[in-house]
Amino acid sequence: MPQQPAPSDEIIPAAPASVIHELKYIDLLLLKTLAETESLTKTSARIGISVAKASRMLSSLRKLFNNELVQRCGPRMIATPELERLLPDIRAALKSLGKLFEHPLAFHPADIESRLVFACTDNAYLALLAPALKRLAEEAPRLQISVSELDDQTLSKLSSGDIDFILGQDFLARKNDRFRHQRLLTCPHCVVVRRDHPMALAHPEGRITAGDLRGFRQVLPIIHRPSGFESPMRLSMNLATAEAIRLPYFIAGFFTILQNDCFLAAPLAVAQRLSTWLPIELLHFDEGSQFLWTPEILWHERTDASPLHQWVRSIVCSAAAAANTP
């Protein structure tokens, strides 16, 4: 007669069959992340699903546990006492399940259903993000991209998870050791005028000096930094020019100079892209200590290991470099 295995001393707690069969890893991950972020939008973005799907999952989990799990308090979703009681076990279960896999799960961009938020100026969008959109759309057709303006809350939003990436140039952002950054370009500025501008006709070789700018006024875009700091766009520290108009946007400046004898100072990479569509001339300014445009992509350390964020960062970096290579 075959010998029966000795009974185990381990006690396996009873649980309703429906809970065992229906509860998934992503359900536990949603509850853990929702308790940490207190936001369904941030939770869905972090785990790579749509807000609608996260909402449906939460509704099912409420029925499964027969508990609200989170309660709305203004804009926040606060964990109920029952969810707080469950969280240590949820975290332990996620950690144990993670050990089952020797290698990370394969990342498939085509399966991503999420939204990422970039904050940048209009010229940074044109030169740095726009070149990546075609590939992003082809490889991740359900990935949605939102773009917001830079303001004095941008860095706070990056910290809270309301923004995923910042494209810009701001040394103040580097003071936060939880932000990561990678340079995308090192680019000089140029003088932009309409194609039949007196300076363009007088200098067909495309090079000018400070003396050539005398008598012409400048259209002056205001530079917006991620930290909220603003300053006018100038060619050089030692060059003073007469102003015609200040604008809150860069791209509008290119259209403004088409109707008059004003000039615009702009990053060469931005001007080169617009020169394919607009009747403008790019004049190189060789005098003085020029300001360089050195935009970076910034992100929070929380997304360092996120496959989605890693993938998007790599595409933006490679596309920006390829699109702006002479």
C-alpha atoms as a PDB file:
ATOM      1  CA  MET A   1       0.000   0.000   0.000  1.00  0.00           C
ATOM      2  CA  PRO A   2       1.576   3.338  -1.028  1.00  0.00           C
ATOM      3  CA  GLN A   3       2.751   5.469   1.851  1.00  0.00           C
ATOM      4  CA  GLN A   4       0.799   8.672   2.351  1.00  0.00           C
ATOM      5  CA  PRO A   5       2.853  11.878   2.589  1.00  0.00           C
ATOM      6  CA  ALA A   6       3.242  13.234   6.069  1.00  0.00           C
ATOM      7  CA  PRO A   7       0.887  16.077   6.783  1.00  0.00           C
ATOM      8  CA  SER A   8       2.435  19.531   6.704  1.00  0.00           C
ATOM      9  CA  ASP A   9       2.550  21.683   9.808  1.00  0.00           C
ATOM     10  CA  GLU A  10       1.798  24.738   7.686  1.00  0.00           C
ATOM     11  CA  ILE A  11      -1.683  26.091   8.180  1.00  0.00           C
ATOM     12  CA  ILE A  12      -3.223  27.475   5.020  1.00  0.00           C
ATOM     13  CA  PRO A  13      -5.970  29.914   5.932  1.00  0.00           C
ATOM     14  CA  ALA A  14      -9.322  29.312   4.347  1.00  0.00           C
ATOM     15  CA  ALA A  15     -10.500  31.823   1.782  1.00  0.00           C
ATOM     16  CA  PRO A  16     -13.536  32.013  -0.476  1.00  0.00           C
ATOM     17  CA  ALA A  17     -12.855  30.276  -3.767  1.00  0.00           C
ATOM     18  CA  SER A  18     -14.009  33.381  -5.637  1.00  0.00           C
ATOM     19  CA  VAL A  19     -11.272  35.469  -4.018  1.00  0.00           C
ATOM     20  CA  ILE A  20      -8.541  32.944  -4.797  1.00  0.00           C
ATOM     21  CA  HIS A  21      -9.644  32.569  -8.417  1.00  0.00           C
ATOM     22  CA  GLU A  22     -10.350  36.219  -9.185  1.00  0.00           C
ATOM     23  CA  LEU A  23      -7.568  38.108  -7.405  1.00  0.00           C
ATOM     24  CA  LYS A  24      -4.634  38.905  -9.701  1.00  0.00           C
ATOM     25  CA  TYR A  25      -1.164  40.346  -9.230  1.00  0.00           C
ATOM     26  CA  ILE A  26      -2.204  43.608 -10.895  1.00  0.00           C
ATOM     27  CA  ASP A  27      -5.117  43.898  -8.445  1.00  0.00           C
ATOM     28  CA  LEU A  28      -2.698  43.856  -5.517  1.00  0.00           C
ATOM     29  CA  LEU A  29      -0.402  46.279  -7.322  1.00  0.00           C
ATOM     30  CA  LEU A  30      -3.302  48.668  -7.928  1.00  0.00           C
ATOM     31  CA  LEU A  31      -4.315  48.655  -4.252  1.00  0.00           C
ATOM     32  CA  LYS A  32      -0.732  49.207  -3.061  1.00  0.00           C
ATOM     33  CA  THR A  33      -0.090  52.015  -5.565  1.00  0.00           C
ATOM     34  CA  LEU A  34      -3.453  53.679  -4.930  1.00  0.00           C
ATOM     35  CA  ALA A  35      -2.755  53.748  -1.198  1.00  0.00           C
ATOM     36  CA  GLU A  36       0.617  55.401  -1.895  1.00  0.00           C
ATOM     37  CA  THR A  37      -0.444  57.964  -4.526  1.00  0.00           C
ATOM     38  CA  GLU A  38      -4.002  58.648  -3.299  1.00  0.00           C
ATOM     39  CA  SER A  39      -4.875  59.234  -6.950  1.00  0.00           C
ATOM     40  CA  LEU A  40      -6.431  56.891  -9.505  1.00  0.00           C
ATOM     41  CA  THR A  41      -4.868  58.900 -12.348  1.00  0.00           C
ATOM     42  CA  LYS A  42      -1.343  58.605 -10.949  1.00  0.00           C
ATOM     43  CA  THR A  43      -1.903  54.939 -10.116  1.00  0.00           C
ATOM     44  CA  SER A  44      -3.036  54.057 -13.642  1.00  0.00           C
ATOM     45  CA  ALA A  45      -0.066  55.895 -15.173  1.00  0.00           C
ATOM     46  CA  ARG A  46       2.405  54.203 -12.844  1.00  0.00           C
ATOM     47  CA  ILE A  47       1.198  50.639 -13.496  1.00  0.00           C
ATOM     48  CA  GLY A  48       0.562  51.216 -17.218  1.00  0.00           C
ATOM     49  CA  ILE A  49      -3.223  50.963 -17.599  1.00  0.00           C
ATOM     50  CA  SER A  50      -5.939  53.452 -18.486  1.00  0.00           C
ATOM     51  CA  VAL A  51      -7.857  55.364 -15.818  1.00  0.00           C
ATOM     52  CA  ALA A  52     -11.061  53.718 -17.027  1.00  0.00           C
ATOM     53  CA  LYS A  53      -9.578  50.245 -16.550  1.00  0.00           C
ATOM     54  CA  ALA A  54      -8.240  51.184 -13.099  1.00  0.00           C
ATOM     55  CA  SER A  55     -11.700  52.422 -12.132  1.00  0.00           C
ATOM     56  CA  ARG A  56     -13.301  49.158 -13.267  1.00  0.00           C
ATOM     57  CA  MET A  57     -10.720  47.139 -11.343  1.00  0.00           C
ATOM     58  CA  LEU A  58     -11.335  49.166  -8.186  1.00  0.00           C
ATOM     59  CA  SER A  59     -15.076  48.615  -8.507  1.00  0.00           C
ATOM     60  CA  SER A  60     -14.542  44.849  -8.801  1.00  0.00           C
ATOM     61  CA  LEU A  61     -12.155  44.807  -5.836  1.00  0.00           C
ATOM     62  CA  ARG A  62     -14.682  46.658  -3.694  1.00  0.00           C
ATOM     63  CA  LYS A  63     -17.212  43.932  -4.388  1.00  0.00           C
ATOM     64  CA  LEU A  64     -14.635  41.196  -3.843  1.00  0.00           C
ATOM     65  CA  PHE A  65     -13.559  42.542  -0.434  1.00  0.00           C
ATOM     66  CA  ASN A  66     -16.993  43.893   0.452  1.00  0.00           C
ATOM     67  CA  ASN A  67     -15.323  47.157   1.428  1.00  0.00           C
ATOM     68  CA  GLU A  68     -14.884  50.617  -0.118  1.00  0.00           C
ATOM     69  CA  LEU A  69     -11.071  50.233   0.188  1.00  0.00           C
ATOM     70  CA  VAL A  70     -10.574  53.956  -0.545  1.00  0.00           C
ATOM     71  CA  GLN A  71     -12.737  56.965   0.225  1.00  0.00           C
ATOM     72  CA  ARG A  72     -12.651  60.268  -1.587  1.00  0.00           C
ATOM     73  CA  CYS A  73     -11.512  63.254   0.455  1.00  0.00           C
ATOM     74  CA  GLY A  74     -11.422  66.267  -1.858  1.00  0.00           C
ATOM     75  CA  PRO A  75      -9.031  65.399  -4.717  1.00  0.00           C
ATOM     76  CA  ARG A  76      -7.457  62.551  -2.702  1.00  0.00           C
ATOM     77  CA  MET A  77      -8.498  58.914  -2.397  1.00  0.00           C
ATOM     78  CA  ILE A  78      -7.694  57.850   1.174  1.00  0.00           C
ATOM     79  CA  ALA A  79      -7.263  54.189   2.166  1.00  0.00           C
ATOM     80  CA  THR A  80      -9.973  52.864   4.481  1.00  0.00           C
ATOM     81  CA  PRO A  81      -8.952  51.231   7.783  1.00  0.00           C
ATOM     82  CA  GLU A  82      -9.612  47.852   6.164  1.00  0.00           C
ATOM     83  CA  LEU A  83      -7.197  48.567   3.307  1.00  0.00           C
ATOM     84  CA  GLU A  84      -4.627  49.905   5.778  1.00  0.00           C
ATOM     85  CA  ARG A  85      -4.929  46.598   7.667  1.00  0.00           C
ATOM     86  CA  LEU A  86      -4.418  44.644   4.433  1.00  0.00           C
ATOM     87  CA  LEU A  87      -1.483  46.677   3.091  1.00  0.00           C
ATOM     88  CA  PRO A  88       1.354  44.843   4.944  1.00  0.00           C
ATOM     89  CA  ASP A  89       0.066  41.523   3.578  1.00  0.00           C
ATOM     90  CA  ILE A  90      -0.428  42.999   0.111  1.00  0.00           C
ATOM     91  CA  ARG A  91       3.159  44.291   0.032  1.00  0.00           C
ATOM     92  CA  ALA A  92       4.465  40.939   1.295  1.00  0.00           C
ATOM     93  CA  ALA A  93       2.445  39.072  -1.339  1.00  0.00           C
ATOM     94  CA  LEU A  94       3.756  41.292  -4.130  1.00  0.00           C
ATOM     95  CA  LYS A  95       7.325  40.802  -2.929  1.00  0.00           C
ATOM     96  CA  SER A  96       6.891  37.023  -2.789  1.00  0.00           C
ATOM     97  CA  LEU A  97       5.292  36.870  -6.227  1.00  0.00           C
ATOM     98  CA  GLY A  98       8.107  38.983  -7.640  1.00  0.00           C
ATOM     99  CA  LYS A  99      10.622  36.355  -6.538  1.00  0.00           C
ATOM    100  CA  LEU A 100       8.948  33.793  -8.802  1.00  0.00           C
ATOM    101  CA  PHE A 101      10.466  35.476 -11.836  1.00  0.00           C
ATOM    102  CA  GLU A 102      14.202  35.259 -12.371  1.00  0.00           C
ATOM    103  CA  HIS A 103      13.968  37.774 -15.215  1.00  0.00           C
ATOM    104  CA  PRO A 104      11.775  40.851 -15.605  1.00  0.00           C
ATOM    105  CA  LEU A 105       8.559  40.355 -17.528  1.00  0.00           C
ATOM    106  CA  ALA A 106       8.828  41.238 -21.190  1.00  0.00           C
ATOM    107  CA  PHE A 107       7.823  44.786 -22.037  1.00  0.00           C
ATOM    108  CA  HIS A 108       5.562  45.141 -25.060  1.00  0.00           C
ATOM    109  CA  PRO A 109       4.883  48.769 -26.089  1.00  0.00           C
ATOM    110  CA  ALA A 110       1.886  47.685 -28.178  1.00  0.00           C
ATOM    111  CA  ASP A 111       0.141  46.523 -24.979  1.00  0.00           C
ATOM    112  CA  ILE A 112       0.583  49.823 -23.150  1.00  0.00           C
ATOM    113  CA  GLU A 113      -2.638  51.696 -22.444  1.00  0.00           C
ATOM    114  CA  SER A 114      -1.609  54.791 -20.538  1.00  0.00           C
ATOM    115  CA  ARG A 115      -1.028  58.548 -20.678  1.00  0.00           C
ATOM    116  CA  LEU A 116       2.272  60.373 -20.156  1.00  0.00           C
ATOM    117  CA  VAL A 117       2.550  64.084 -19.445  1.00  0.00           C
ATOM    118  CA  PHE A 118       5.424  66.248 -20.718  1.00  0.00           C
ATOM    119  CA  ALA A 119       6.000  69.848 -19.645  1.00  0.00           C
ATOM    120  CA  CYS A 120       7.909  72.090 -22.048  1.00  0.00           C
ATOM    121  CA  THR A 121       7.915  75.295 -24.070  1.00  0.00           C
ATOM    122  CA  ASP A 122       6.644  75.368 -27.649  1.00  0.00           C
ATOM    123  CA  ASN A 123      10.132  75.432 -29.165  1.00  0.00           C
ATOM    124  CA  ALA A 124      11.241  72.469 -27.018  1.00  0.00           C
ATOM    125  CA  TYR A 125       8.174  70.558 -28.153  1.00  0.00           C
ATOM    126  CA  LEU A 126       9.002  71.240 -31.797  1.00  0.00           C
ATOM    127  CA  ALA A 127      12.697  70.319 -31.606  1.00  0.00           C
ATOM    128  CA  LEU A 128      12.729  67.629 -28.908  1.00  0.00           C
ATOM    129  CA  LEU A 129       9.380  65.863 -28.549  1.00  0.00           C
ATOM    130  CA  ALA A 130       7.755  66.151 -31.980  1.00  0.00           C
ATOM    131  CA  PRO A 131      10.494  64.065 -33.684  1.00  0.00           C
ATOM    132  CA  ALA A 132       9.642  61.133 -31.379  1.00  0.00           C
ATOM    133  CA  LEU A 133       5.867  61.135 -31.863  1.00  0.00           C
ATOM    134  CA  LYS A 134       5.786  59.105 -35.079  1.00  0.00           C
ATOM    135  CA  ARG A 135       7.674  56.163 -33.585  1.00  0.00           C
ATOM    136  CA  LEU A 136       5.750  56.349 -30.323  1.00  0.00           C
ATOM    137  CA  ALA A 137       2.456  56.214 -32.232  1.00  0.00           C
ATOM    138  CA  GLU A 138       3.612  53.312 -34.410  1.00  0.00           C
ATOM    139  CA  GLU A 139       4.974  51.134 -31.608  1.00  0.00           C
ATOM    140  CA  ALA A 140       2.562  52.087 -28.806  1.00  0.00           C
ATOM    141  CA  PRO A 141      -0.698  53.010 -30.583  1.00  0.00           C
ATOM    142  CA  ARG A 142      -2.694  53.244 -27.347  1.00  0.00           C
ATOM    143  CA  LEU A 143      -0.182  55.438 -25.537  1.00  0.00           C
ATOM    144  CA  GLN A 144      -1.487  58.982 -25.089  1.00  0.00           C
ATOM    145  CA  ILE A 145       0.748  62.046 -24.752  1.00  0.00           C
ATOM    146  CA  SER A 146      -0.219  65.284 -23.033  1.00  0.00           C
ATOM    147  CA  VAL A 147       1.857  68.469 -23.060  1.00  0.00           C
ATOM    148  CA  SER A 148       1.574  71.199 -20.433  1.00  0.00           C
ATOM    149  CA  GLU A 149       3.226  74.595 -20.098  1.00  0.00           C
ATOM    150  CA  LEU A 150       6.039  75.364 -17.686  1.00  0.00           C
ATOM    151  CA  ASP A 151       5.061  77.353 -14.611  1.00  0.00           C
ATOM    152  CA  ASP A 152       6.116  77.789 -10.997  1.00  0.00           C
ATOM    153  CA  GLN A 153       4.422  74.486 -10.069  1.00  0.00           C
ATOM    154  CA  THR A 154       6.152  72.343 -12.700  1.00  0.00           C
ATOM    155  CA  LEU A 155       8.838  70.885 -10.420  1.00  0.00           C
ATOM    156  CA  SER A 156       6.259  70.188  -7.712  1.00  0.00           C
ATOM    157  CA  LYS A 157       4.126  68.359 -10.260  1.00  0.00           C
ATOM    158  CA  LEU A 158       7.117  66.284 -11.317  1.00  0.00           C
ATOM    159  CA  SER A 159       7.630  65.337  -7.668  1.00  0.00           C
ATOM    160  CA  SER A 160       3.976  64.413  -7.150  1.00  0.00           C
ATOM    161  CA  GLY A 161       3.669  62.406 -10.370  1.00  0.00           C
ATOM    162  CA  ASP A 162       1.276  64.783 -12.144  1.00  0.00           C
ATOM    163  CA  ILE A 163       4.029  65.277 -14.747  1.00  0.00           C
ATOM    164  CA  ASP A 164       6.213  62.451 -16.078  1.00  0.00           C
ATOM    165  CA  PHE A 165       8.901  64.388 -17.949  1.00  0.00           C
ATOM    166  CA  ILE A 166      10.176  67.940 -18.322  1.00  0.00           C
ATOM    167  CA  LEU A 167      11.978  69.107 -21.443  1.00  0.00           C
ATOM    168  CA  GLY A 168      13.933  72.247 -20.715  1.00  0.00           C
ATOM    169  CA  GLN A 169      16.982  73.992 -19.364  1.00  0.00           C
ATOM    170  CA  ASP A 170      17.112  74.899 -15.675  1.00  0.00           C
ATOM    171  CA  PHE A 171      20.089  74.555 -13.340  1.00  0.00           C
ATOM    172  CA  LEU A 172      17.781  74.987 -10.329  1.00  0.00           C
ATOM    173  CA  ALA A 173      16.141  71.645 -11.087  1.00  0.00           C
ATOM    174  CA  ARG A 174      19.469  69.916 -10.480  1.00  0.00           C
ATOM    175  CA  LYS A 175      19.396  70.956  -6.820  1.00  0.00           C
ATOM    176  CA  ASN A 176      16.762  68.287  -6.160  1.00  0.00           C
ATOM    177  CA  ASP A 177      18.684  65.007  -5.871  1.00  0.00           C
ATOM    178  CA  ARG A 178      15.508  63.024  -6.587  1.00  0.00           C
ATOM    179  CA  PHE A 179      15.370  64.392 -10.133  1.00  0.00           C
ATOM    180  CA  ARG A 180      17.284  62.697 -12.914  1.00  0.00           C
ATOM    181  CA  HIS A 181      18.404  64.520 -16.037  1.00  0.00           C
ATOM    182  CA  GLN A 182      20.032  63.806 -19.388  1.00  0.00           C
ATOM    183  CA  ARG A 183      21.177  66.404 -21.887  1.00  0.00           C
ATOM    184  CA  LEU A 184      19.518  66.214 -25.289  1.00  0.00           C
ATOM    185  CA  LEU A 185      21.363  68.906 -27.278  1.00  0.00           C
ATOM    186  CA  THR A 186      24.107  71.506 -27.154  1.00  0.00           C
ATOM    187  CA  CYS A 187      22.987  74.130 -29.603  1.00  0.00           C
ATOM    188  CA  PRO A 188      24.040  77.714 -30.492  1.00  0.00           C
ATOM    189  CA  HIS A 189      21.577  80.466 -31.287  1.00  0.00           C
ATOM    190  CA  CYS A 190      21.148  82.280 -34.572  1.00  0.00           C
ATOM    191  CA  VAL A 191      19.496  85.459 -35.832  1.00  0.00           C
ATOM    192  CA  VAL A 192      16.291  84.825 -37.769  1.00  0.00           C
ATOM    193  CA  VAL A 193      14.871  87.318 -40.281  1.00  0.00           C
ATOM    194  CA  ARG A 194      12.468  87.162 -43.195  1.00  0.00           C
ATOM    195  CA  ARG A 195      13.997  86.007 -46.465  1.00  0.00           C
ATOM    196  CA  ASP A 196      14.095  89.482 -48.087  1.00  0.00           C
ATOM    197  CA  HIS A 197      15.237  91.302 -44.943  1.00  0.00           C
ATOM    198  CA  PRO A 198      17.950  93.981 -45.522  1.00  0.00           C
ATOM    199  CA  MET A 199      20.425  92.018 -43.363  1.00  0.00           C
ATOM    200  CA  ALA A 200      19.831  88.826 -45.341  1.00  0.00           C
ATOM    201  CA  LEU A 201      20.330  90.645 -48.658  1.00  0.00           C
ATOM    202  CA  ALA A 202      23.469  92.426 -47.411  1.00  0.00           C
ATOM    203  CA  HIS A 203      25.047  89.232 -46.057  1.00  0.00           C
ATOM    204  CA  PRO A 204      24.341  86.364 -48.475  1.00  0.00           C
ATOM    205  CA  GLU A 205      27.087  84.332 -46.768  1.00  0.00           C
ATOM    206  CA  GLY A 206      24.870  84.260 -43.667  1.00  0.00           C
ATOM    207  CA  ARG A 207      27.242  85.755 -41.082  1.00  0.00           C
ATOM    208  CA  ILE A 208      26.694  89.007 -39.189  1.00  0.00           C
ATOM    209  CA  THR A 209      28.231  91.035 -36.352  1.00  0.00           C
ATOM    210  CA  ALA A 210      26.806  93.186 -33.585  1.00  0.00           C
ATOM    211  CA  GLY A 211      27.164  96.244 -35.819  1.00  0.00           C
ATOM    212  CA  ASP A 212      24.848  94.688 -38.413  1.00  0.00           C
ATOM    213  CA  LEU A 213      22.049  94.517 -35.835  1.00  0.00           C
ATOM    214  CA  ARG A 214      22.055  98.270 -35.189  1.00  0.00           C
ATOM    215  CA  GLY A 215      18.966  99.912 -36.551  1.00  0.00           C
ATOM    216  CA  PHE A 216      16.834  96.796 -36.219  1.00  0.00           C
ATOM    217  CA  ARG A 217      14.629  95.872 -33.311  1.00  0.00           C
ATOM    218  CA  GLN A 218      14.290  92.465 -31.708  1.00  0.00           C
ATOM    219  CA  VAL A 219      11.227  90.290 -31.156  1.00  0.00           C
ATOM    220  CA  LEU A 220      11.891  88.927 -27.699  1.00  0.00           C
ATOM    221  CA  PRO A 221      10.412  85.585 -26.558  1.00  0.00           C
ATOM    222  CA  ILE A 222      10.399  85.046 -22.808  1.00  0.00           C
ATOM    223  CA  ILE A 223      12.247  81.930 -21.660  1.00  0.00           C
ATOM    224  CA  HIS A 224      10.222  79.837 -19.218  1.00  0.00           C
ATOM    225  CA  ARG A 225      12.216  77.617 -16.859  1.00  0.00           C
ATOM    226  CA  PRO A 226      10.813  74.530 -15.103  1.00  0.00           C
ATOM    227  CA  SER A 227      11.438  76.237 -11.742  1.00  0.00           C
ATOM    228  CA  GLY A 228       9.164  79.114 -12.793  1.00  0.00           C
ATOM    229  CA  PHE A 229      12.001  81.566 -13.510  1.00  0.00           C
ATOM    230  CA  GLU A 230      11.512  83.684 -16.657  1.00  0.00           C
ATOM    231  CA  SER A 231      13.955  85.745 -18.705  1.00  0.00           C
ATOM    232  CA  PRO A 232      14.038  87.262 -22.217  1.00  0.00           C
ATOM    233  CA  MET A 233      15.829  85.395 -25.007  1.00  0.00           C
ATOM    234  CA  ARG A 234      19.071  87.171 -25.873  1.00  0.00           C
ATOM    235  CA  LEU A 235      21.928  86.276 -28.194  1.00  0.00           C
ATOM    236  CA  SER A 236      24.823  87.183 -25.968  1.00  0.00           C
ATOM    237  CA  MET A 237      25.583  88.475 -22.500  1.00  0.00           C
ATOM    238  CA  ASN A 238      27.384  91.504 -23.926  1.00  0.00           C
ATOM    239  CA  LEU A 239      24.838  92.460 -26.598  1.00  0.00           C
ATOM    240  CA  ALA A 240      22.110  95.024 -25.965  1.00  0.00           C
ATOM    241  CA  THR A 241      19.425  95.388 -28.640  1.00  0.00           C
ATOM    242  CA  ALA A 242      16.339  97.546 -29.070  1.00  0.00           C
ATOM    243  CA  GLU A 243      13.111  95.688 -28.326  1.00  0.00           C
ATOM    244  CA  ALA A 244      10.031  95.649 -30.539  1.00  0.00           C
ATOM    245  CA  ILE A 245       7.760  93.215 -28.725  1.00  0.00           C
ATOM    246  CA  ARG A 246       7.950  90.590 -25.986  1.00  0.00           C
ATOM    247  CA  LEU A 247       6.116  87.319 -26.501  1.00  0.00           C
ATOM    248  CA  PRO A 248       5.268  84.414 -24.173  1.00  0.00           C
ATOM    249  CA  TYR A 249       5.931  81.934 -27.000  1.00  0.00           C
ATOM    250  CA  PHE A 250       8.811  81.182 -29.366  1.00  0.00           C
ATOM    251  CA  ILE A 251       6.987  79.940 -32.460  1.00  0.00           C
ATOM    252  CA  ALA A 252       4.800  83.072 -32.659  1.00  0.00           C
ATOM    253  CA  GLY A 253       8.009  85.096 -32.963  1.00  0.00           C
ATOM    254  CA  PHE A 254       8.863  83.416 -36.280  1.00  0.00           C
ATOM    255  CA  PHE A 255       5.571  84.543 -37.776  1.00  0.00           C
ATOM    256  CA  THR A 256       5.909  88.032 -36.280  1.00  0.00           C
ATOM    257  CA  ILE A 257       9.165  88.791 -38.132  1.00  0.00           C
ATOM    258  CA  LEU A 258       7.653  87.868 -41.524  1.00  0.00           C
ATOM    259  CA  GLN A 259       5.784  91.175 -41.609  1.00  0.00           C
ATOM    260  CA  ASN A 260       8.520  93.662 -40.666  1.00  0.00           C
ATOM    261  CA  ASP A 261      12.261  94.347 -40.346  1.00  0.00           C
ATOM    262  CA  CYS A 262      12.559  92.945 -36.821  1.00  0.00           C
ATOM    263  CA  PHE A 263      14.803  90.005 -36.015  1.00  0.00           C
ATOM    264  CA  LEU A 264      14.500  87.067 -33.655  1.00  0.00           C
ATOM    265  CA  ALA A 265      17.166  85.165 -31.695  1.00  0.00           C
ATOM    266  CA  ALA A 266      16.381  81.449 -31.564  1.00  0.00           C
ATOM    267  CA  PRO A 267      18.097  78.092 -31.010  1.00  0.00           C
ATOM    268  CA  LEU A 268      19.574  76.953 -34.316  1.00  0.00           C
ATOM    269  CA  ALA A 269      17.865  73.542 -34.057  1.00  0.00           C
ATOM    270  CA  VAL A 270      14.421  75.172 -33.774  1.00  0.00           C
ATOM    271  CA  ALA A 271      15.089  77.691 -36.549  1.00  0.00           C
ATOM    272  CA  GLN A 272      16.339  74.970 -38.920  1.00  0.00           C
ATOM    273  CA  ARG A 273      13.149  72.949 -38.495  1.00  0.00           C
ATOM    274  CA  LEU A 274      10.931  75.972 -39.131  1.00  0.00           C
ATOM    275  CA  SER A 275      12.992  77.094 -42.122  1.00  0.00           C
ATOM    276  CA  THR A 276      11.599  74.137 -44.075  1.00  0.00           C
ATOM    277  CA  TRP A 277       8.119  75.667 -43.842  1.00  0.00           C
ATOM    278  CA  LEU A 278       8.676  79.436 -43.511  1.00  0.00           C
ATOM    279  CA  PRO A 279      10.392  82.004 -45.805  1.00  0.00           C
ATOM    280  CA  ILE A 280      13.124  82.875 -43.323  1.00  0.00           C
ATOM    281  CA  GLU A 281      16.902  83.229 -43.319  1.00  0.00           C
ATOM    282  CA  LEU A 282      19.197  82.046 -40.525  1.00  0.00           C
ATOM    283  CA  LEU A 283      22.150  84.362 -39.858  1.00  0.00           C
ATOM    284  CA  HIS A 284      25.057  83.203 -37.733  1.00  0.00           C
ATOM    285  CA  PHE A 285      26.238  85.629 -35.060  1.00  0.00           C
ATOM    286  CA  ASP A 286      29.963  85.256 -34.380  1.00  0.00           C
ATOM    287  CA  GLU A 287      30.650  87.947 -31.784  1.00  0.00           C
ATOM    288  CA  GLY A 288      30.858  87.809 -28.007  1.00  0.00           C
ATOM    289  CA  SER A 289      30.076  85.038 -25.565  1.00  0.00           C
ATOM    290  CA  GLN A 290      27.008  83.372 -26.990  1.00  0.00           C
ATOM    291  CA  PHE A 291      24.390  81.692 -24.859  1.00  0.00           C
ATOM    292  CA  LEU A 292      23.954  78.016 -25.699  1.00  0.00           C
ATOM    293  CA  TRP A 293      20.707  76.091 -25.640  1.00  0.00           C
ATOM    294  CA  THR A 294      21.377  72.918 -23.626  1.00  0.00           C
ATOM    295  CA  PRO A 295      17.955  71.347 -23.030  1.00  0.00           C
ATOM    296  CA  GLU A 296      17.597  68.231 -20.902  1.00  0.00           C
ATOM    297  CA  ILE A 297      14.963  65.632 -20.238  1.00  0.00           C
ATOM    298  CA  LEU A 298      14.156  65.504 -16.523  1.00  0.00           C
ATOM    299  CA  TRP A 299      12.279  62.810 -14.618  1.00  0.00           C
ATOM    300  CA  HIS A 300      11.729  61.716 -11.032  1.00  0.00           C
ATOM    301  CA  GLU A 301      13.724  58.848  -9.538  1.00  0.00           C
ATOM    302  CA  ARG A 302      10.474  56.969  -8.913  1.00  0.00           C
ATOM    303  CA  THR A 303      10.270  56.132 -12.628  1.00  0.00           C
ATOM    304  CA  ASP A 304      13.917  55.030 -12.979  1.00  0.00           C
ATOM    305  CA  ALA A 305      12.967  51.352 -13.209  1.00  0.00           C
ATOM    306  CA  SER A 306       9.658  51.764 -15.056  1.00  0.00           C
ATOM    307  CA  PRO A 307       9.938  49.926 -18.414  1.00  0.00           C
ATOM    308  CA  LEU A 308       7.483  52.360 -20.004  1.00  0.00           C
ATOM    309  CA  HIS A 309       9.372  55.447 -18.860  1.00  0.00           C
ATOM    310  CA  GLN A 310      12.740  53.940 -19.792  1.00  0.00           C
ATOM    311  CA  TRP A 311      11.480  53.129 -23.270  1.00  0.00           C
ATOM    312  CA  VAL A 312       9.968  56.579 -23.843  1.00  0.00           C
ATOM    313  CA  ARG A 313      13.107  58.325 -22.556  1.00  0.00           C
ATOM    314  CA  SER A 314      15.297  56.371 -24.951  1.00  0.00           C
ATOM    315  CA  ILE A 315      13.077  57.220 -27.923  1.00  0.00           C
ATOM    316  CA  VAL A 316      12.929  60.926 -27.094  1.00  0.00           C
ATOM    317  CA  CYS A 317      16.715  61.103 -26.633  1.00  0.00           C
ATOM    318  CA  SER A 318      17.543  59.277 -29.871  1.00  0.00           C
ATOM    319  CA  ALA A 319      14.882  61.074 -31.935  1.00  0.00           C
ATOM    320  CA  ALA A 320      15.946  64.517 -30.715  1.00  0.00           C
ATOM    321  CA  ALA A 321      19.585  63.801 -31.526  1.00  0.00           C
ATOM    322  CA  ALA A 322      18.778  62.383 -34.970  1.00  0.00           C
ATOM    323  CA  ALA A 323      16.401  65.206 -35.918  1.00  0.00           C
ATOM    324  CA  ASN A 324      18.838  67.945 -34.933  1.00  0.00           C
ATOM    325  CA  THR A 325      22.050  66.545 -36.380  1.00  0.00           C
ATOM    326  CA  PRO A 326      23.385  68.865 -39.141  1.00  0.00           C
END
